[in-house]
Amino acid sequence: MHLKIILIFCSVCFFTVITSIGLTAQNINFFGNLLFYHDNSTLLSKSLQANNIQRPYSSYNREDTTIIKIWKLLMFLSKINKPGDDIELEKLYGNDVNNILNEFCRIGTNMNSISKDQCIQFFNSFDFKTLFNNENHENLNGAVNDFMTSIVNENYTLVDVLLEVLKLKSYIKKTIVGHIQSIDKLQDEYDIIVKNIH
């Protein structure tokens, strides 16, 4: 009986202290949309604390455009060990975020979003080999073409495009993306954090 309790305690401790670098779908979705829908440094700070991110974030600048705010935050998050990140989930890294942002800005005329046609253009022109350290994936071109059939929305934000690229990376590598919450569910979480701001 005592051995069973010790094993349960050790397994709980192990899973609660797992940390890793990179950006999971949950990281991108939660924090990217936080800055897209709420330009509030206090809410951002409280949200980082609520997600057990202890390292202070000092790059927030009210004068930055929304897309630059998102980019700065995701670059910060991609480089730090974050508790609770499942090491089994597929991730994007800082270099991936930079490459995706550059292509997004090259294609888009509106900095907040791109159209469905522009998103298809993005998938046709982006160098997906960079996601795999230029490893050869025989089915890469076919997978990209297949994946483009899922592009059905009229507009895509940078956060949407990052998530689509992460899904494609996961599809090709046969890994796990993880749960992506709807905007409504995220707004509920943001509201809870707002209520607790003193």
C-alpha atoms as a PDB file:
ATOM      1  CA  MET A   1       0.000   0.000   0.000  1.00  0.00           C
ATOM      2  CA  HIS A   2       2.763   2.439   0.945  1.00  0.00           C
ATOM      3  CA  LEU A   3       4.654   1.603  -2.253  1.00  0.00           C
ATOM      4  CA  LYS A   4       1.539   2.341  -4.338  1.00  0.00           C
ATOM      5  CA  ILE A   5       1.111   5.762  -2.666  1.00  0.00           C
ATOM      6  CA  ILE A   6       4.785   6.585  -3.227  1.00  0.00           C
ATOM      7  CA  LEU A   7       4.544   5.614  -6.918  1.00  0.00           C
ATOM      8  CA  ILE A   8       1.409   7.734  -7.414  1.00  0.00           C
ATOM      9  CA  PHE A   9       3.033  10.705  -5.671  1.00  0.00           C
ATOM     10  CA  CYS A  10       6.199  10.411  -7.790  1.00  0.00           C
ATOM     11  CA  SER A  11       4.249  10.138 -11.054  1.00  0.00           C
ATOM     12  CA  VAL A  12       2.129  13.205 -10.173  1.00  0.00           C
ATOM     13  CA  CYS A  13       5.242  15.221  -9.323  1.00  0.00           C
ATOM     14  CA  PHE A  14       6.969  14.116 -12.542  1.00  0.00           C
ATOM     15  CA  PHE A  15       4.118  15.186 -14.786  1.00  0.00           C
ATOM     16  CA  THR A  16       3.571  18.523 -13.060  1.00  0.00           C
ATOM     17  CA  VAL A  17       7.230  19.572 -13.368  1.00  0.00           C
ATOM     18  CA  ILE A  18       7.767  18.636 -17.024  1.00  0.00           C
ATOM     19  CA  THR A  19       9.076  21.671 -18.877  1.00  0.00           C
ATOM     20  CA  SER A  20      10.103  22.190 -22.466  1.00  0.00           C
ATOM     21  CA  ILE A  21      10.931  24.866 -25.009  1.00  0.00           C
ATOM     22  CA  GLY A  22       9.018  25.457 -28.237  1.00  0.00           C
ATOM     23  CA  LEU A  23       5.375  26.326 -28.845  1.00  0.00           C
ATOM     24  CA  THR A  24       2.526  23.863 -28.596  1.00  0.00           C
ATOM     25  CA  ALA A  25      -0.831  24.491 -30.255  1.00  0.00           C
ATOM     26  CA  GLN A  26      -2.178  25.507 -26.845  1.00  0.00           C
ATOM     27  CA  ASN A  27       0.630  28.073 -26.348  1.00  0.00           C
ATOM     28  CA  ILE A  28       0.075  29.614 -29.787  1.00  0.00           C
ATOM     29  CA  ASN A  29      -3.699  29.608 -29.518  1.00  0.00           C
ATOM     30  CA  PHE A  30      -3.988  30.958 -25.972  1.00  0.00           C
ATOM     31  CA  PHE A  31      -1.312  33.665 -26.025  1.00  0.00           C
ATOM     32  CA  GLY A  32      -1.538  34.649 -29.691  1.00  0.00           C
ATOM     33  CA  ASN A  33      -5.278  35.199 -29.489  1.00  0.00           C
ATOM     34  CA  LEU A  34      -4.931  36.920 -26.119  1.00  0.00           C
ATOM     35  CA  LEU A  35      -2.961  39.722 -27.779  1.00  0.00           C
ATOM     36  CA  PHE A  36      -5.085  39.652 -30.933  1.00  0.00           C
ATOM     37  CA  TYR A  37      -8.329  40.264 -29.020  1.00  0.00           C
ATOM     38  CA  HIS A  38      -7.080  42.019 -25.844  1.00  0.00           C
ATOM     39  CA  ASP A  39      -4.380  44.690 -25.954  1.00  0.00           C
ATOM     40  CA  ASN A  40      -3.850  44.739 -22.207  1.00  0.00           C
ATOM     41  CA  SER A  41      -0.442  44.390 -20.549  1.00  0.00           C
ATOM     42  CA  THR A  42      -1.956  43.609 -17.133  1.00  0.00           C
ATOM     43  CA  LEU A  43      -4.069  40.795 -18.560  1.00  0.00           C
ATOM     44  CA  LEU A  44      -0.999  39.468 -20.371  1.00  0.00           C
ATOM     45  CA  SER A  45       1.086  39.513 -17.199  1.00  0.00           C
ATOM     46  CA  LYS A  46      -1.655  37.776 -15.184  1.00  0.00           C
ATOM     47  CA  SER A  47      -2.138  35.200 -17.960  1.00  0.00           C
ATOM     48  CA  LEU A  48       1.560  34.349 -17.943  1.00  0.00           C
ATOM     49  CA  GLN A  49       1.388  33.902 -14.157  1.00  0.00           C
ATOM     50  CA  ALA A  50      -1.782  31.804 -14.444  1.00  0.00           C
ATOM     51  CA  ASN A  51       0.127  29.490 -16.800  1.00  0.00           C
ATOM     52  CA  ASN A  52       3.032  29.147 -14.318  1.00  0.00           C
ATOM     53  CA  ILE A  53       5.447  31.134 -16.471  1.00  0.00           C
ATOM     54  CA  GLN A  54       7.666  32.778 -13.903  1.00  0.00           C
ATOM     55  CA  ARG A  55      10.193  34.498 -16.158  1.00  0.00           C
ATOM     56  CA  PRO A  56       9.216  38.191 -16.516  1.00  0.00           C
ATOM     57  CA  TYR A  57       8.180  39.356 -19.976  1.00  0.00           C
ATOM     58  CA  SER A  58       9.490  42.854 -20.668  1.00  0.00           C
ATOM     59  CA  SER A  59       9.029  43.296 -24.437  1.00  0.00           C
ATOM     60  CA  TYR A  60       5.421  44.492 -24.409  1.00  0.00           C
ATOM     61  CA  ASN A  61       5.122  47.864 -26.137  1.00  0.00           C
ATOM     62  CA  ARG A  62       1.752  49.574 -26.627  1.00  0.00           C
ATOM     63  CA  GLU A  63       3.070  51.297 -29.755  1.00  0.00           C
ATOM     64  CA  ASP A  64       3.771  48.017 -31.572  1.00  0.00           C
ATOM     65  CA  THR A  65       1.282  46.698 -34.111  1.00  0.00           C
ATOM     66  CA  THR A  66      -0.768  43.680 -33.031  1.00  0.00           C
ATOM     67  CA  ILE A  67       1.205  41.308 -35.240  1.00  0.00           C
ATOM     68  CA  ILE A  68       4.539  42.512 -33.778  1.00  0.00           C
ATOM     69  CA  LYS A  69       3.184  42.109 -30.232  1.00  0.00           C
ATOM     70  CA  ILE A  70       2.156  38.532 -31.033  1.00  0.00           C
ATOM     71  CA  TRP A  71       5.504  37.800 -32.692  1.00  0.00           C
ATOM     72  CA  LYS A  72       7.529  39.176 -29.754  1.00  0.00           C
ATOM     73  CA  LEU A  73       5.515  37.206 -27.207  1.00  0.00           C
ATOM     74  CA  LEU A  74       5.650  33.930 -29.139  1.00  0.00           C
ATOM     75  CA  MET A  75       9.405  34.339 -29.674  1.00  0.00           C
ATOM     76  CA  PHE A  76       9.820  34.848 -25.924  1.00  0.00           C
ATOM     77  CA  LEU A  77       7.682  31.795 -25.133  1.00  0.00           C
ATOM     78  CA  SER A  78       9.418  29.612 -27.727  1.00  0.00           C
ATOM     79  CA  LYS A  79      12.774  30.040 -25.988  1.00  0.00           C
ATOM     80  CA  ILE A  80      11.851  29.358 -22.371  1.00  0.00           C
ATOM     81  CA  ASN A  81      11.072  26.186 -20.493  1.00  0.00           C
ATOM     82  CA  LYS A  82       7.367  26.222 -19.707  1.00  0.00           C
ATOM     83  CA  PRO A  83       5.847  23.920 -17.088  1.00  0.00           C
ATOM     84  CA  GLY A  84       3.077  21.632 -18.251  1.00  0.00           C
ATOM     85  CA  ASP A  85       4.250  21.409 -21.881  1.00  0.00           C
ATOM     86  CA  ASP A  86       3.682  17.809 -22.955  1.00  0.00           C
ATOM     87  CA  ILE A  87       6.916  16.618 -24.553  1.00  0.00           C
ATOM     88  CA  GLU A  88       4.870  14.339 -26.826  1.00  0.00           C
ATOM     89  CA  LEU A  89       3.058  17.246 -28.516  1.00  0.00           C
ATOM     90  CA  GLU A  90       4.359  18.655 -31.795  1.00  0.00           C
ATOM     91  CA  LYS A  91       5.854  22.140 -31.526  1.00  0.00           C
ATOM     92  CA  LEU A  92       6.990  25.111 -33.546  1.00  0.00           C
ATOM     93  CA  TYR A  93      10.219  26.876 -32.610  1.00  0.00           C
ATOM     94  CA  GLY A  94      11.491  30.443 -32.834  1.00  0.00           C
ATOM     95  CA  ASN A  95      12.998  30.002 -36.298  1.00  0.00           C
ATOM     96  CA  ASP A  96       9.681  28.533 -37.531  1.00  0.00           C
ATOM     97  CA  VAL A  97       7.750  31.528 -36.151  1.00  0.00           C
ATOM     98  CA  ASN A  98      10.161  33.950 -37.876  1.00  0.00           C
ATOM     99  CA  ASN A  99       9.890  32.168 -41.227  1.00  0.00           C
ATOM    100  CA  ILE A 100       6.086  31.961 -41.041  1.00  0.00           C
ATOM    101  CA  LEU A 101       5.775  35.628 -40.031  1.00  0.00           C
ATOM    102  CA  ASN A 102       8.021  36.745 -42.907  1.00  0.00           C
ATOM    103  CA  GLU A 103       5.972  34.821 -45.473  1.00  0.00           C
ATOM    104  CA  PHE A 104       2.682  35.966 -43.900  1.00  0.00           C
ATOM    105  CA  CYS A 105       3.783  39.624 -44.165  1.00  0.00           C
ATOM    106  CA  ARG A 106       5.117  39.152 -47.698  1.00  0.00           C
ATOM    107  CA  ILE A 107       1.757  37.804 -48.904  1.00  0.00           C
ATOM    108  CA  GLY A 108      -0.645  39.892 -46.815  1.00  0.00           C
ATOM    109  CA  THR A 109      -1.666  43.454 -47.504  1.00  0.00           C
ATOM    110  CA  ASN A 110      -3.692  43.650 -44.274  1.00  0.00           C
ATOM    111  CA  MET A 111      -1.339  43.024 -41.350  1.00  0.00           C
ATOM    112  CA  ASN A 112      -4.096  41.530 -39.174  1.00  0.00           C
ATOM    113  CA  SER A 113      -5.236  38.752 -41.513  1.00  0.00           C
ATOM    114  CA  ILE A 114      -4.939  37.215 -44.950  1.00  0.00           C
ATOM    115  CA  SER A 115      -7.718  35.965 -47.193  1.00  0.00           C
ATOM    116  CA  LYS A 116      -8.459  32.338 -48.025  1.00  0.00           C
ATOM    117  CA  ASP A 117      -6.747  32.760 -51.429  1.00  0.00           C
ATOM    118  CA  GLN A 118      -3.715  34.362 -49.772  1.00  0.00           C
ATOM    119  CA  CYS A 119      -3.575  31.490 -47.266  1.00  0.00           C
ATOM    120  CA  ILE A 120      -3.505  29.019 -50.176  1.00  0.00           C
ATOM    121  CA  GLN A 121      -0.769  31.159 -51.734  1.00  0.00           C
ATOM    122  CA  PHE A 122       1.129  30.960 -48.426  1.00  0.00           C
ATOM    123  CA  PHE A 123       0.978  27.151 -48.454  1.00  0.00           C
ATOM    124  CA  ASN A 124       2.107  27.078 -52.087  1.00  0.00           C
ATOM    125  CA  SER A 125       5.123  29.324 -51.499  1.00  0.00           C
ATOM    126  CA  PHE A 126       6.298  28.557 -47.943  1.00  0.00           C
ATOM    127  CA  ASP A 127       9.436  26.396 -47.682  1.00  0.00           C
ATOM    128  CA  PHE A 128       8.105  23.623 -45.448  1.00  0.00           C
ATOM    129  CA  LYS A 129      11.463  21.832 -45.471  1.00  0.00           C
ATOM    130  CA  THR A 130      12.636  24.375 -42.893  1.00  0.00           C
ATOM    131  CA  LEU A 131      10.228  22.798 -40.378  1.00  0.00           C
ATOM    132  CA  PHE A 132      12.107  19.511 -40.649  1.00  0.00           C
ATOM    133  CA  ASN A 133      15.693  20.813 -40.627  1.00  0.00           C
ATOM    134  CA  ASN A 134      15.725  20.235 -44.396  1.00  0.00           C
ATOM    135  CA  GLU A 135      15.267  16.476 -43.914  1.00  0.00           C
ATOM    136  CA  ASN A 136      13.828  14.762 -46.959  1.00  0.00           C
ATOM    137  CA  HIS A 137      10.153  13.841 -46.570  1.00  0.00           C
ATOM    138  CA  GLU A 138       8.992  11.978 -49.639  1.00  0.00           C
ATOM    139  CA  ASN A 139       5.347  12.816 -49.129  1.00  0.00           C
ATOM    140  CA  LEU A 140       5.881  16.513 -48.288  1.00  0.00           C
ATOM    141  CA  ASN A 141       4.517  18.056 -51.510  1.00  0.00           C
ATOM    142  CA  GLY A 142       1.575  15.657 -51.646  1.00  0.00           C
ATOM    143  CA  ALA A 143       0.797  16.289 -47.976  1.00  0.00           C
ATOM    144  CA  VAL A 144       0.846  20.071 -48.508  1.00  0.00           C
ATOM    145  CA  ASN A 145      -1.490  19.752 -51.508  1.00  0.00           C
ATOM    146  CA  ASP A 146      -3.846  17.472 -49.555  1.00  0.00           C
ATOM    147  CA  PHE A 147      -3.771  19.810 -46.579  1.00  0.00           C
ATOM    148  CA  MET A 148      -4.735  22.859 -48.640  1.00  0.00           C
ATOM    149  CA  THR A 149      -8.197  21.343 -49.180  1.00  0.00           C
ATOM    150  CA  SER A 150      -8.866  22.056 -45.484  1.00  0.00           C
ATOM    151  CA  ILE A 151      -8.385  25.808 -45.994  1.00  0.00           C
ATOM    152  CA  VAL A 152     -12.014  26.928 -46.024  1.00  0.00           C
ATOM    153  CA  ASN A 153     -12.254  30.034 -43.836  1.00  0.00           C
ATOM    154  CA  GLU A 154     -12.510  33.463 -45.467  1.00  0.00           C
ATOM    155  CA  ASN A 155      -9.768  35.020 -43.322  1.00  0.00           C
ATOM    156  CA  TYR A 156      -6.732  33.767 -41.439  1.00  0.00           C
ATOM    157  CA  THR A 157      -4.830  35.641 -38.724  1.00  0.00           C
ATOM    158  CA  LEU A 158      -1.149  34.985 -38.029  1.00  0.00           C
ATOM    159  CA  VAL A 159      -2.256  32.760 -35.138  1.00  0.00           C
ATOM    160  CA  ASP A 160      -4.519  30.774 -37.497  1.00  0.00           C
ATOM    161  CA  VAL A 161      -1.679  30.295 -39.989  1.00  0.00           C
ATOM    162  CA  LEU A 162       0.758  29.215 -37.258  1.00  0.00           C
ATOM    163  CA  LEU A 163      -1.762  26.625 -36.086  1.00  0.00           C
ATOM    164  CA  GLU A 164      -2.384  25.389 -39.645  1.00  0.00           C
ATOM    165  CA  VAL A 165       1.361  24.978 -40.211  1.00  0.00           C
ATOM    166  CA  LEU A 166       1.694  23.136 -36.890  1.00  0.00           C
ATOM    167  CA  LYS A 167      -1.165  20.789 -37.900  1.00  0.00           C
ATOM    168  CA  LEU A 168       0.561  20.079 -41.213  1.00  0.00           C
ATOM    169  CA  LYS A 169       3.892  19.423 -39.470  1.00  0.00           C
ATOM    170  CA  SER A 170       2.139  17.025 -37.111  1.00  0.00           C
ATOM    171  CA  TYR A 171       0.331  15.314 -39.991  1.00  0.00           C
ATOM    172  CA  ILE A 172       3.579  14.694 -41.873  1.00  0.00           C
ATOM    173  CA  LYS A 173       5.506  13.523 -38.806  1.00  0.00           C
ATOM    174  CA  LYS A 174       2.518  11.506 -37.512  1.00  0.00           C
ATOM    175  CA  THR A 175       2.691  13.235 -34.136  1.00  0.00           C
ATOM    176  CA  ILE A 176       0.077  14.834 -31.862  1.00  0.00           C
ATOM    177  CA  VAL A 177      -1.115  18.442 -32.155  1.00  0.00           C
ATOM    178  CA  GLY A 178      -3.148  18.598 -28.966  1.00  0.00           C
ATOM    179  CA  HIS A 179      -6.440  20.307 -28.241  1.00  0.00           C
ATOM    180  CA  ILE A 180      -7.123  23.693 -29.869  1.00  0.00           C
ATOM    181  CA  GLN A 181      -9.822  25.606 -28.008  1.00  0.00           C
ATOM    182  CA  SER A 182     -12.438  27.699 -29.784  1.00  0.00           C
ATOM    183  CA  ILE A 183     -12.294  31.492 -29.476  1.00  0.00           C
ATOM    184  CA  ASP A 184     -15.428  31.396 -27.286  1.00  0.00           C
ATOM    185  CA  LYS A 185     -13.756  29.022 -24.813  1.00  0.00           C
ATOM    186  CA  LEU A 186     -10.626  31.173 -24.796  1.00  0.00           C
ATOM    187  CA  GLN A 187     -12.707  34.294 -24.099  1.00  0.00           C
ATOM    188  CA  ASP A 188     -14.205  32.485 -21.085  1.00  0.00           C
ATOM    189  CA  GLU A 189     -10.698  31.808 -19.784  1.00  0.00           C
ATOM    190  CA  TYR A 190      -9.605  35.411 -20.391  1.00  0.00           C
ATOM    191  CA  ASP A 191     -12.745  36.633 -18.545  1.00  0.00           C
ATOM    192  CA  ILE A 192     -11.862  34.486 -15.516  1.00  0.00           C
ATOM    193  CA  ILE A 193      -8.367  35.967 -15.431  1.00  0.00           C
ATOM    194  CA  VAL A 194      -9.780  39.519 -15.820  1.00  0.00           C
ATOM    195  CA  LYS A 195     -12.112  38.949 -12.833  1.00  0.00           C
ATOM    196  CA  ASN A 196      -9.113  38.004 -10.705  1.00  0.00           C
ATOM    197  CA  ILE A 197      -7.053  41.072 -11.606  1.00  0.00           C
ATOM    198  CA  HIS A 198      -6.757  43.287  -8.520  1.00  0.00           C
END
